[in-house]
Amino acid sequence: MINLRRLDMNLLLTLDALLAEHNVTRAAERLGFSQPSISVHLAKLRHVFNDPLLLPGPRGMRPTARADELREPLREALAALERAVLPTRPFDPSTATHTWRMAASDYAESTIVLPTLGPLRKAAPDTRVAVLPLSIPLVVSRAEQGTIDLAFHTTADSPAGLHRRTLFEERYVLAGRAGHPKLKRRPTIAQFCKLEHVLVSTYGGGFHGVTDDVLAAAGLARRVALSVPHFLFMRSVLAQTDLVAMVPWRLVRNEPGLTVVDAPVDVPGYEMAMLWHDRCHRDPAHVWLRELVATCTSVP
């Protein structure tokens, strides 16, 4: 068997040139080597392959049967290696056929993925997008394995080990159904606490959120009548009942079935970030995708 450790790049380049030129002098000129160097390389190649490879002929050198077998596979291998080490070509979205995989909550689907889809489909019509469930404990390993390209999560709770870019700041507003009698104007804090609220409990079943922390610090409390796991279901509940909710503004800003007012309680907002692994940090296609997402979500 051939020991690959005995074949350095110069030997392979020499063999490729000799098989093309059938002449030591022309092979030396082609590679910029001296003729004695090519002769030394040929001697090493003969030893490695246990074959003379090239024999004297009437018009230069004549390849052996083994050399003829090597010609095309060697040329293909060197061409592939050349493509691998050449500078990466600029990314052209109009001809791309990528499948992008994005991990997102239903909130991020509405506020990040959805605004990006139109421009993405227009610029790169032959690409596909797979939106996957966001699992924070697994996001780093999945990004490292390449099973997701991007993930979207709050900046404060983003896991370490990934590149991160803040996309926007989010704030909370008070929302209820269109025509809600208690939301004709901004309610007082006392009126706010008397309203029946719905909240999103990401991990399910919780009736306490950041709003309740702020109220408790002021010695106040509200009535949370419903806990749901998804923002999209919460929007439907708000539109069809008299329940109200403290919701991220971007989630309800264009909902005609809802009334949105400023809340009488100052609940801290958060930043949403885009996350990705270092394995694709410099990839031109991935850079293009990240810039598109950032542009599409930067509009206030």
C-alpha atoms as a PDB file:
ATOM      1  CA  MET A   1       0.000   0.000   0.000  1.00  0.00           C
ATOM      2  CA  ILE A   2       1.092   3.550  -0.726  1.00  0.00           C
ATOM      3  CA  ASN A   3       2.127   5.451   2.407  1.00  0.00           C
ATOM      4  CA  LEU A   4       0.618   8.916   1.934  1.00  0.00           C
ATOM      5  CA  ARG A   5       3.063  10.424   4.438  1.00  0.00           C
ATOM      6  CA  ARG A   6       5.809   9.802   1.878  1.00  0.00           C
ATOM      7  CA  LEU A   7       3.966  11.895  -0.754  1.00  0.00           C
ATOM      8  CA  ASP A   8       4.348  15.630  -0.165  1.00  0.00           C
ATOM      9  CA  MET A   9       2.720  18.279  -2.363  1.00  0.00           C
ATOM     10  CA  ASN A  10       5.840  18.884  -4.450  1.00  0.00           C
ATOM     11  CA  LEU A  11       6.003  15.220  -5.415  1.00  0.00           C
ATOM     12  CA  LEU A  12       2.362  15.200  -6.495  1.00  0.00           C
ATOM     13  CA  LEU A  13       2.784  18.410  -8.490  1.00  0.00           C
ATOM     14  CA  THR A  14       5.882  16.980 -10.138  1.00  0.00           C
ATOM     15  CA  LEU A  15       4.069  13.789 -11.091  1.00  0.00           C
ATOM     16  CA  ASP A  16       1.168  15.809 -12.521  1.00  0.00           C
ATOM     17  CA  ALA A  17       3.558  17.962 -14.598  1.00  0.00           C
ATOM     18  CA  LEU A  18       5.529  14.943 -15.841  1.00  0.00           C
ATOM     19  CA  LEU A  19       2.372  13.134 -16.872  1.00  0.00           C
ATOM     20  CA  ALA A  20       1.297  16.221 -18.805  1.00  0.00           C
ATOM     21  CA  GLU A  21       4.654  17.106 -20.396  1.00  0.00           C
ATOM     22  CA  HIS A  22       6.409  13.697 -20.742  1.00  0.00           C
ATOM     23  CA  ASN A  23       9.622  15.658 -20.432  1.00  0.00           C
ATOM     24  CA  VAL A  24      11.745  16.484 -17.377  1.00  0.00           C
ATOM     25  CA  THR A  25      12.938  19.834 -18.720  1.00  0.00           C
ATOM     26  CA  ARG A  26       9.474  21.095 -19.640  1.00  0.00           C
ATOM     27  CA  ALA A  27       8.070  19.848 -16.322  1.00  0.00           C
ATOM     28  CA  ALA A  28      10.805  21.798 -14.504  1.00  0.00           C
ATOM     29  CA  GLU A  29       9.957  24.963 -16.464  1.00  0.00           C
ATOM     30  CA  ARG A  30       6.238  24.488 -15.795  1.00  0.00           C
ATOM     31  CA  LEU A  31       6.754  24.247 -12.037  1.00  0.00           C
ATOM     32  CA  GLY A  32       9.641  26.692 -11.679  1.00  0.00           C
ATOM     33  CA  PHE A  33      11.934  23.946 -10.362  1.00  0.00           C
ATOM     34  CA  SER A  34      15.386  23.034 -11.506  1.00  0.00           C
ATOM     35  CA  GLN A  35      15.813  20.007 -13.763  1.00  0.00           C
ATOM     36  CA  PRO A  36      17.865  18.129 -11.119  1.00  0.00           C
ATOM     37  CA  SER A  37      15.067  18.699  -8.589  1.00  0.00           C
ATOM     38  CA  ILE A  38      12.535  17.151 -10.972  1.00  0.00           C
ATOM     39  CA  SER A  39      14.829  14.181 -11.499  1.00  0.00           C
ATOM     40  CA  VAL A  40      15.139  13.713  -7.720  1.00  0.00           C
ATOM     41  CA  HIS A  41      11.365  13.928  -7.362  1.00  0.00           C
ATOM     42  CA  LEU A  42      10.881  11.364 -10.108  1.00  0.00           C
ATOM     43  CA  ALA A  43      13.247   8.969  -8.364  1.00  0.00           C
ATOM     44  CA  LYS A  44      11.267   9.315  -5.134  1.00  0.00           C
ATOM     45  CA  LEU A  45       7.985   8.800  -6.973  1.00  0.00           C
ATOM     46  CA  ARG A  46       9.279   5.637  -8.595  1.00  0.00           C
ATOM     47  CA  HIS A  47      10.224   4.323  -5.184  1.00  0.00           C
ATOM     48  CA  VAL A  48       6.887   5.239  -3.599  1.00  0.00           C
ATOM     49  CA  PHE A  49       4.816   3.667  -6.387  1.00  0.00           C
ATOM     50  CA  ASN A  50       7.261   0.820  -7.050  1.00  0.00           C
ATOM     51  CA  ASP A  51       6.920   1.600 -10.740  1.00  0.00           C
ATOM     52  CA  PRO A  52       9.140   3.469 -13.221  1.00  0.00           C
ATOM     53  CA  LEU A  53       6.140   5.669 -14.147  1.00  0.00           C
ATOM     54  CA  LEU A  54       7.939   7.268 -17.111  1.00  0.00           C
ATOM     55  CA  LEU A  55      10.302   5.465 -19.494  1.00  0.00           C
ATOM     56  CA  PRO A  56      12.601   6.875 -22.183  1.00  0.00           C
ATOM     57  CA  GLY A  57      10.921   7.043 -25.583  1.00  0.00           C
ATOM     58  CA  PRO A  58      11.683   8.286 -29.089  1.00  0.00           C
ATOM     59  CA  ARG A  59      10.047  11.682 -28.398  1.00  0.00           C
ATOM     60  CA  GLY A  60      10.525  12.342 -24.708  1.00  0.00           C
ATOM     61  CA  MET A  61       9.242  10.020 -22.009  1.00  0.00           C
ATOM     62  CA  ARG A  62       6.535   7.374 -22.277  1.00  0.00           C
ATOM     63  CA  PRO A  63       4.165   6.776 -19.316  1.00  0.00           C
ATOM     64  CA  THR A  64       3.753   3.278 -17.966  1.00  0.00           C
ATOM     65  CA  ALA A  65       0.333   1.668 -17.520  1.00  0.00           C
ATOM     66  CA  ARG A  66       0.434   2.625 -13.824  1.00  0.00           C
ATOM     67  CA  ALA A  67       1.178   6.244 -14.746  1.00  0.00           C
ATOM     68  CA  ASP A  68      -1.786   6.295 -17.154  1.00  0.00           C
ATOM     69  CA  GLU A  69      -4.016   5.049 -14.320  1.00  0.00           C
ATOM     70  CA  LEU A  70      -2.822   7.873 -12.091  1.00  0.00           C
ATOM     71  CA  ARG A  71      -3.213  10.752 -14.553  1.00  0.00           C
ATOM     72  CA  GLU A  72      -6.939  11.582 -14.248  1.00  0.00           C
ATOM     73  CA  PRO A  73      -7.443  10.779 -10.533  1.00  0.00           C
ATOM     74  CA  LEU A  74      -4.376  12.865  -9.697  1.00  0.00           C
ATOM     75  CA  ARG A  75      -5.565  15.793 -11.827  1.00  0.00           C
ATOM     76  CA  GLU A  76      -9.015  15.679 -10.204  1.00  0.00           C
ATOM     77  CA  ALA A  77      -7.528  15.510  -6.706  1.00  0.00           C
ATOM     78  CA  LEU A  78      -5.222  18.460  -7.311  1.00  0.00           C
ATOM     79  CA  ALA A  79      -8.060  20.479  -8.839  1.00  0.00           C
ATOM     80  CA  ALA A  80     -10.247  19.767  -5.803  1.00  0.00           C
ATOM     81  CA  LEU A  81      -7.438  20.790  -3.472  1.00  0.00           C
ATOM     82  CA  GLU A  82      -6.892  23.968  -5.452  1.00  0.00           C
ATOM     83  CA  ARG A  83     -10.578  24.851  -5.156  1.00  0.00           C
ATOM     84  CA  ALA A  84     -10.421  24.203  -1.415  1.00  0.00           C
ATOM     85  CA  VAL A  85      -7.533  26.573  -0.758  1.00  0.00           C
ATOM     86  CA  LEU A  86      -8.423  29.340  -3.203  1.00  0.00           C
ATOM     87  CA  PRO A  87     -10.106  32.463  -1.777  1.00  0.00           C
ATOM     88  CA  THR A  88     -13.836  31.942  -1.383  1.00  0.00           C
ATOM     89  CA  ARG A  89     -15.908  33.286  -4.235  1.00  0.00           C
ATOM     90  CA  PRO A  90     -18.379  36.093  -3.530  1.00  0.00           C
ATOM     91  CA  PHE A  91     -21.848  34.824  -2.638  1.00  0.00           C
ATOM     92  CA  ASP A  92     -24.518  35.309  -5.288  1.00  0.00           C
ATOM     93  CA  PRO A  93     -27.968  34.948  -3.702  1.00  0.00           C
ATOM     94  CA  SER A  94     -29.715  34.882  -7.076  1.00  0.00           C
ATOM     95  CA  THR A  95     -28.130  31.499  -7.894  1.00  0.00           C
ATOM     96  CA  ALA A  96     -27.937  30.072  -4.368  1.00  0.00           C
ATOM     97  CA  THR A  97     -29.683  26.810  -3.471  1.00  0.00           C
ATOM     98  CA  HIS A  98     -29.009  26.775   0.265  1.00  0.00           C
ATOM     99  CA  THR A  99     -31.370  25.441   2.900  1.00  0.00           C
ATOM    100  CA  TRP A 100     -31.249  27.837   5.840  1.00  0.00           C
ATOM    101  CA  ARG A 101     -32.110  26.452   9.273  1.00  0.00           C
ATOM    102  CA  MET A 102     -33.263  28.930  11.920  1.00  0.00           C
ATOM    103  CA  ALA A 103     -34.147  28.112  15.521  1.00  0.00           C
ATOM    104  CA  ALA A 104     -36.804  30.449  16.876  1.00  0.00           C
ATOM    105  CA  SER A 105     -39.616  30.778  19.393  1.00  0.00           C
ATOM    106  CA  ASP A 106     -43.043  31.733  18.084  1.00  0.00           C
ATOM    107  CA  TYR A 107     -42.269  35.310  19.139  1.00  0.00           C
ATOM    108  CA  ALA A 108     -39.066  35.342  17.056  1.00  0.00           C
ATOM    109  CA  GLU A 109     -40.900  33.710  14.158  1.00  0.00           C
ATOM    110  CA  SER A 110     -43.284  36.674  14.043  1.00  0.00           C
ATOM    111  CA  THR A 111     -40.813  39.487  14.748  1.00  0.00           C
ATOM    112  CA  ILE A 112     -37.649  38.243  12.993  1.00  0.00           C
ATOM    113  CA  VAL A 113     -38.245  35.351  10.597  1.00  0.00           C
ATOM    114  CA  LEU A 114     -41.468  36.699   9.082  1.00  0.00           C
ATOM    115  CA  PRO A 115     -40.098  40.178   8.201  1.00  0.00           C
ATOM    116  CA  THR A 116     -37.065  38.479   6.629  1.00  0.00           C
ATOM    117  CA  LEU A 117     -38.942  35.976   4.471  1.00  0.00           C
ATOM    118  CA  GLY A 118     -40.152  38.360   1.765  1.00  0.00           C
ATOM    119  CA  PRO A 119     -36.766  39.971   1.050  1.00  0.00           C
ATOM    120  CA  LEU A 120     -35.063  36.576   1.329  1.00  0.00           C
ATOM    121  CA  ARG A 121     -37.431  34.935  -1.188  1.00  0.00           C
ATOM    122  CA  LYS A 122     -36.969  37.872  -3.569  1.00  0.00           C
ATOM    123  CA  ALA A 123     -33.162  37.971  -3.389  1.00  0.00           C
ATOM    124  CA  ALA A 124     -32.565  34.213  -3.219  1.00  0.00           C
ATOM    125  CA  PRO A 125     -35.610  32.522  -4.796  1.00  0.00           C
ATOM    126  CA  ASP A 126     -34.074  29.037  -5.006  1.00  0.00           C
ATOM    127  CA  THR A 127     -33.150  28.818  -1.320  1.00  0.00           C
ATOM    128  CA  ARG A 128     -35.277  27.175   1.353  1.00  0.00           C
ATOM    129  CA  VAL A 129     -35.898  28.025   5.004  1.00  0.00           C
ATOM    130  CA  ALA A 130     -36.542  25.556   7.802  1.00  0.00           C
ATOM    131  CA  VAL A 131     -37.762  27.090  11.065  1.00  0.00           C
ATOM    132  CA  LEU A 132     -36.953  24.793  13.987  1.00  0.00           C
ATOM    133  CA  PRO A 133     -38.012  24.864  17.637  1.00  0.00           C
ATOM    134  CA  LEU A 134     -35.660  26.814  19.875  1.00  0.00           C
ATOM    135  CA  SER A 135     -34.105  24.709  22.640  1.00  0.00           C
ATOM    136  CA  ILE A 136     -31.641  26.851  24.574  1.00  0.00           C
ATOM    137  CA  PRO A 137     -29.845  23.905  26.270  1.00  0.00           C
ATOM    138  CA  LEU A 138     -29.127  22.409  22.827  1.00  0.00           C
ATOM    139  CA  VAL A 139     -28.553  25.517  20.732  1.00  0.00           C
ATOM    140  CA  VAL A 140     -24.737  25.547  21.054  1.00  0.00           C
ATOM    141  CA  SER A 141     -24.292  21.881  20.147  1.00  0.00           C
ATOM    142  CA  ARG A 142     -26.740  22.128  17.254  1.00  0.00           C
ATOM    143  CA  ALA A 143     -24.990  25.211  15.888  1.00  0.00           C
ATOM    144  CA  GLU A 144     -21.630  23.462  16.219  1.00  0.00           C
ATOM    145  CA  GLN A 145     -22.962  20.398  14.398  1.00  0.00           C
ATOM    146  CA  GLY A 146     -24.423  22.538  11.629  1.00  0.00           C
ATOM    147  CA  THR A 147     -28.019  21.446  12.192  1.00  0.00           C
ATOM    148  CA  ILE A 148     -28.970  25.115  12.677  1.00  0.00           C
ATOM    149  CA  ASP A 149     -27.491  28.193  10.995  1.00  0.00           C
ATOM    150  CA  LEU A 150     -29.018  30.878  13.188  1.00  0.00           C
ATOM    151  CA  ALA A 151     -30.840  31.065  16.494  1.00  0.00           C
ATOM    152  CA  PHE A 152     -32.789  33.990  17.930  1.00  0.00           C
ATOM    153  CA  HIS A 153     -33.000  34.654  21.651  1.00  0.00           C
ATOM    154  CA  THR A 154     -32.834  37.424  24.231  1.00  0.00           C
ATOM    155  CA  THR A 155     -29.372  38.908  24.621  1.00  0.00           C
ATOM    156  CA  ALA A 156     -29.303  38.572  28.400  1.00  0.00           C
ATOM    157  CA  ASP A 157     -30.033  34.840  28.343  1.00  0.00           C
ATOM    158  CA  SER A 158     -28.004  33.899  25.278  1.00  0.00           C
ATOM    159  CA  PRO A 159     -25.634  30.968  25.864  1.00  0.00           C
ATOM    160  CA  ALA A 160     -21.883  31.499  25.794  1.00  0.00           C
ATOM    161  CA  GLY A 161     -19.803  30.044  22.988  1.00  0.00           C
ATOM    162  CA  LEU A 162     -21.666  31.608  20.072  1.00  0.00           C
ATOM    163  CA  HIS A 163     -21.270  34.801  18.099  1.00  0.00           C
ATOM    164  CA  ARG A 164     -24.008  37.273  18.921  1.00  0.00           C
ATOM    165  CA  ARG A 165     -25.491  40.340  17.262  1.00  0.00           C
ATOM    166  CA  THR A 166     -28.219  42.430  18.847  1.00  0.00           C
ATOM    167  CA  LEU A 167     -31.079  42.989  16.417  1.00  0.00           C
ATOM    168  CA  PHE A 168     -33.420  45.314  18.317  1.00  0.00           C
ATOM    169  CA  GLU A 169     -34.709  46.432  21.692  1.00  0.00           C
ATOM    170  CA  GLU A 170     -38.195  45.387  22.705  1.00  0.00           C
ATOM    171  CA  ARG A 171     -40.590  47.065  25.134  1.00  0.00           C
ATOM    172  CA  TYR A 172     -43.821  45.952  26.799  1.00  0.00           C
ATOM    173  CA  VAL A 173     -47.244  47.456  26.164  1.00  0.00           C
ATOM    174  CA  LEU A 174     -50.727  46.672  27.442  1.00  0.00           C
ATOM    175  CA  ALA A 175     -53.013  45.019  24.891  1.00  0.00           C
ATOM    176  CA  GLY A 176     -56.611  43.812  24.738  1.00  0.00           C
ATOM    177  CA  ARG A 177     -59.332  43.295  22.175  1.00  0.00           C
ATOM    178  CA  ALA A 178     -60.327  46.115  19.870  1.00  0.00           C
ATOM    179  CA  GLY A 179     -62.994  48.196  21.611  1.00  0.00           C
ATOM    180  CA  HIS A 180     -62.091  46.887  25.067  1.00  0.00           C
ATOM    181  CA  PRO A 181     -64.067  49.151  27.461  1.00  0.00           C
ATOM    182  CA  LYS A 182     -61.212  49.327  29.994  1.00  0.00           C
ATOM    183  CA  LEU A 183     -58.562  50.276  27.403  1.00  0.00           C
ATOM    184  CA  LYS A 184     -60.084  53.419  25.900  1.00  0.00           C
ATOM    185  CA  ARG A 185     -57.222  55.237  27.576  1.00  0.00           C
ATOM    186  CA  ARG A 186     -54.210  54.335  29.654  1.00  0.00           C
ATOM    187  CA  PRO A 187     -55.531  52.794  32.899  1.00  0.00           C
ATOM    188  CA  THR A 188     -54.332  53.827  36.324  1.00  0.00           C
ATOM    189  CA  ILE A 189     -52.206  51.386  38.269  1.00  0.00           C
ATOM    190  CA  ALA A 190     -55.223  50.474  40.405  1.00  0.00           C
ATOM    191  CA  GLN A 191     -57.365  49.821  37.335  1.00  0.00           C
ATOM    192  CA  PHE A 192     -54.529  47.820  35.795  1.00  0.00           C
ATOM    193  CA  CYS A 193     -54.343  45.516  38.794  1.00  0.00           C
ATOM    194  CA  LYS A 194     -58.090  44.863  38.697  1.00  0.00           C
ATOM    195  CA  LEU A 195     -58.033  43.712  35.071  1.00  0.00           C
ATOM    196  CA  GLU A 196     -57.835  39.988  34.323  1.00  0.00           C
ATOM    197  CA  HIS A 197     -54.558  39.142  32.634  1.00  0.00           C
ATOM    198  CA  VAL A 198     -53.121  36.390  30.441  1.00  0.00           C
ATOM    199  CA  LEU A 199     -49.393  35.714  30.372  1.00  0.00           C
ATOM    200  CA  VAL A 200     -47.038  33.513  28.387  1.00  0.00           C
ATOM    201  CA  SER A 201     -45.262  30.904  30.474  1.00  0.00           C
ATOM    202  CA  THR A 202     -42.514  29.563  28.216  1.00  0.00           C
ATOM    203  CA  TYR A 203     -42.002  26.433  30.274  1.00  0.00           C
ATOM    204  CA  GLY A 204     -45.713  25.975  30.912  1.00  0.00           C
ATOM    205  CA  GLY A 205     -48.125  26.531  33.770  1.00  0.00           C
ATOM    206  CA  GLY A 206     -46.620  29.610  35.400  1.00  0.00           C
ATOM    207  CA  PHE A 207     -48.767  32.499  36.640  1.00  0.00           C
ATOM    208  CA  HIS A 208     -45.949  34.874  37.596  1.00  0.00           C
ATOM    209  CA  GLY A 209     -43.861  37.009  35.247  1.00  0.00           C
ATOM    210  CA  VAL A 210     -41.625  40.056  35.151  1.00  0.00           C
ATOM    211  CA  THR A 211     -44.676  42.333  35.464  1.00  0.00           C
ATOM    212  CA  ASP A 212     -45.554  40.654  38.749  1.00  0.00           C
ATOM    213  CA  ASP A 213     -42.014  41.223  40.033  1.00  0.00           C
ATOM    214  CA  VAL A 214     -42.335  44.953  39.358  1.00  0.00           C
ATOM    215  CA  LEU A 215     -45.762  45.110  41.000  1.00  0.00           C
ATOM    216  CA  ALA A 216     -44.606  43.133  44.032  1.00  0.00           C
ATOM    217  CA  ALA A 217     -41.725  45.574  44.556  1.00  0.00           C
ATOM    218  CA  ALA A 218     -44.375  48.311  44.878  1.00  0.00           C
ATOM    219  CA  GLY A 219     -46.554  46.219  47.181  1.00  0.00           C
ATOM    220  CA  LEU A 220     -49.096  45.528  44.439  1.00  0.00           C
ATOM    221  CA  ALA A 221     -50.444  42.461  42.631  1.00  0.00           C
ATOM    222  CA  ARG A 222     -52.575  41.726  39.571  1.00  0.00           C
ATOM    223  CA  ARG A 223     -54.912  38.856  38.706  1.00  0.00           C
ATOM    224  CA  VAL A 224     -53.488  36.443  36.145  1.00  0.00           C
ATOM    225  CA  ALA A 225     -56.449  34.378  34.978  1.00  0.00           C
ATOM    226  CA  LEU A 226     -54.783  32.441  32.172  1.00  0.00           C
ATOM    227  CA  SER A 227     -51.318  31.034  31.479  1.00  0.00           C
ATOM    228  CA  VAL A 228     -50.445  29.896  27.944  1.00  0.00           C
ATOM    229  CA  PRO A 229     -47.224  28.533  26.396  1.00  0.00           C
ATOM    230  CA  HIS A 230     -47.258  30.505  23.123  1.00  0.00           C
ATOM    231  CA  PHE A 231     -47.501  34.158  22.123  1.00  0.00           C
ATOM    232  CA  LEU A 232     -49.582  33.403  19.041  1.00  0.00           C
ATOM    233  CA  PHE A 233     -52.303  31.713  21.084  1.00  0.00           C
ATOM    234  CA  MET A 234     -52.212  34.621  23.499  1.00  0.00           C
ATOM    235  CA  ARG A 235     -52.967  37.024  20.643  1.00  0.00           C
ATOM    236  CA  SER A 236     -56.033  34.988  19.721  1.00  0.00           C
ATOM    237  CA  VAL A 237     -57.173  34.967  23.353  1.00  0.00           C
ATOM    238  CA  LEU A 238     -56.819  38.738  23.576  1.00  0.00           C
ATOM    239  CA  ALA A 239     -58.809  39.283  20.384  1.00  0.00           C
ATOM    240  CA  GLN A 240     -61.696  37.077  21.499  1.00  0.00           C
ATOM    241  CA  THR A 241     -62.015  37.739  25.261  1.00  0.00           C
ATOM    242  CA  ASP A 242     -61.853  40.605  27.747  1.00  0.00           C
ATOM    243  CA  LEU A 243     -58.508  39.414  29.084  1.00  0.00           C
ATOM    244  CA  VAL A 244     -55.576  41.796  28.719  1.00  0.00           C
ATOM    245  CA  ALA A 245     -51.844  41.196  28.633  1.00  0.00           C
ATOM    246  CA  MET A 246     -48.481  42.854  28.923  1.00  0.00           C
ATOM    247  CA  VAL A 247     -46.985  41.951  25.559  1.00  0.00           C
ATOM    248  CA  PRO A 248     -43.909  42.796  23.466  1.00  0.00           C
ATOM    249  CA  TRP A 249     -44.791  45.775  21.300  1.00  0.00           C
ATOM    250  CA  ARG A 250     -43.521  44.290  18.035  1.00  0.00           C
ATOM    251  CA  LEU A 251     -45.845  41.346  18.437  1.00  0.00           C
ATOM    252  CA  VAL A 252     -49.034  43.446  18.435  1.00  0.00           C
ATOM    253  CA  ARG A 253     -48.134  46.665  16.661  1.00  0.00           C
ATOM    254  CA  ASN A 254     -49.947  45.727  13.436  1.00  0.00           C
ATOM    255  CA  GLU A 255     -52.841  43.734  14.882  1.00  0.00           C
ATOM    256  CA  PRO A 256     -56.147  45.414  13.832  1.00  0.00           C
ATOM    257  CA  GLY A 257     -58.131  43.222  16.221  1.00  0.00           C
ATOM    258  CA  LEU A 258     -56.290  44.563  19.262  1.00  0.00           C
ATOM    259  CA  THR A 259     -56.120  47.793  21.218  1.00  0.00           C
ATOM    260  CA  VAL A 260     -52.641  48.756  22.435  1.00  0.00           C
ATOM    261  CA  VAL A 261     -51.944  51.369  25.138  1.00  0.00           C
ATOM    262  CA  ASP A 262     -49.011  52.280  27.336  1.00  0.00           C
ATOM    263  CA  ALA A 263     -49.070  50.449  30.642  1.00  0.00           C
ATOM    264  CA  PRO A 264     -49.115  52.292  33.994  1.00  0.00           C
ATOM    265  CA  VAL A 265     -46.312  50.043  35.216  1.00  0.00           C
ATOM    266  CA  ASP A 266     -42.742  50.321  33.940  1.00  0.00           C
ATOM    267  CA  VAL A 267     -41.698  46.791  33.007  1.00  0.00           C
ATOM    268  CA  PRO A 268     -38.103  46.442  31.770  1.00  0.00           C
ATOM    269  CA  GLY A 269     -37.804  45.433  28.127  1.00  0.00           C
ATOM    270  CA  TYR A 270     -35.153  43.244  26.547  1.00  0.00           C
ATOM    271  CA  GLU A 271     -32.886  42.913  23.530  1.00  0.00           C
ATOM    272  CA  MET A 272     -33.270  40.248  20.862  1.00  0.00           C
ATOM    273  CA  ALA A 273     -30.103  38.764  19.456  1.00  0.00           C
ATOM    274  CA  MET A 274     -29.066  36.638  16.503  1.00  0.00           C
ATOM    275  CA  LEU A 275     -26.708  33.767  17.400  1.00  0.00           C
ATOM    276  CA  TRP A 276     -24.393  31.660  15.238  1.00  0.00           C
ATOM    277  CA  HIS A 277     -21.351  29.405  15.543  1.00  0.00           C
ATOM    278  CA  ASP A 278     -17.791  30.257  14.579  1.00  0.00           C
ATOM    279  CA  ARG A 279     -17.813  27.452  11.984  1.00  0.00           C
ATOM    280  CA  CYS A 280     -19.862  29.648   9.644  1.00  0.00           C
ATOM    281  CA  HIS A 281     -18.764  33.056  10.917  1.00  0.00           C
ATOM    282  CA  ARG A 282     -16.703  33.898   7.794  1.00  0.00           C
ATOM    283  CA  ASP A 283     -18.754  32.030   5.211  1.00  0.00           C
ATOM    284  CA  PRO A 284     -19.905  34.582   2.564  1.00  0.00           C
ATOM    285  CA  ALA A 285     -23.372  33.031   2.270  1.00  0.00           C
ATOM    286  CA  HIS A 286     -23.869  33.122   6.022  1.00  0.00           C
ATOM    287  CA  VAL A 287     -22.547  36.689   6.266  1.00  0.00           C
ATOM    288  CA  TRP A 288     -25.068  37.705   3.607  1.00  0.00           C
ATOM    289  CA  LEU A 289     -27.917  36.003   5.467  1.00  0.00           C
ATOM    290  CA  ARG A 290     -27.014  37.667   8.761  1.00  0.00           C
ATOM    291  CA  GLU A 291     -26.871  41.098   7.160  1.00  0.00           C
ATOM    292  CA  LEU A 292     -30.261  40.522   5.550  1.00  0.00           C
ATOM    293  CA  VAL A 293     -31.837  39.499   8.868  1.00  0.00           C
ATOM    294  CA  ALA A 294     -30.319  42.516  10.625  1.00  0.00           C
ATOM    295  CA  THR A 295     -31.564  44.884   7.909  1.00  0.00           C
ATOM    296  CA  CYS A 296     -35.085  43.438   7.868  1.00  0.00           C
ATOM    297  CA  THR A 297     -35.476  43.663  11.655  1.00  0.00           C
ATOM    298  CA  SER A 298     -33.849  47.061  12.204  1.00  0.00           C
ATOM    299  CA  VAL A 299     -36.973  48.991  11.182  1.00  0.00           C
ATOM    300  CA  PRO A 300     -38.577  50.307  14.410  1.00  0.00           C
END
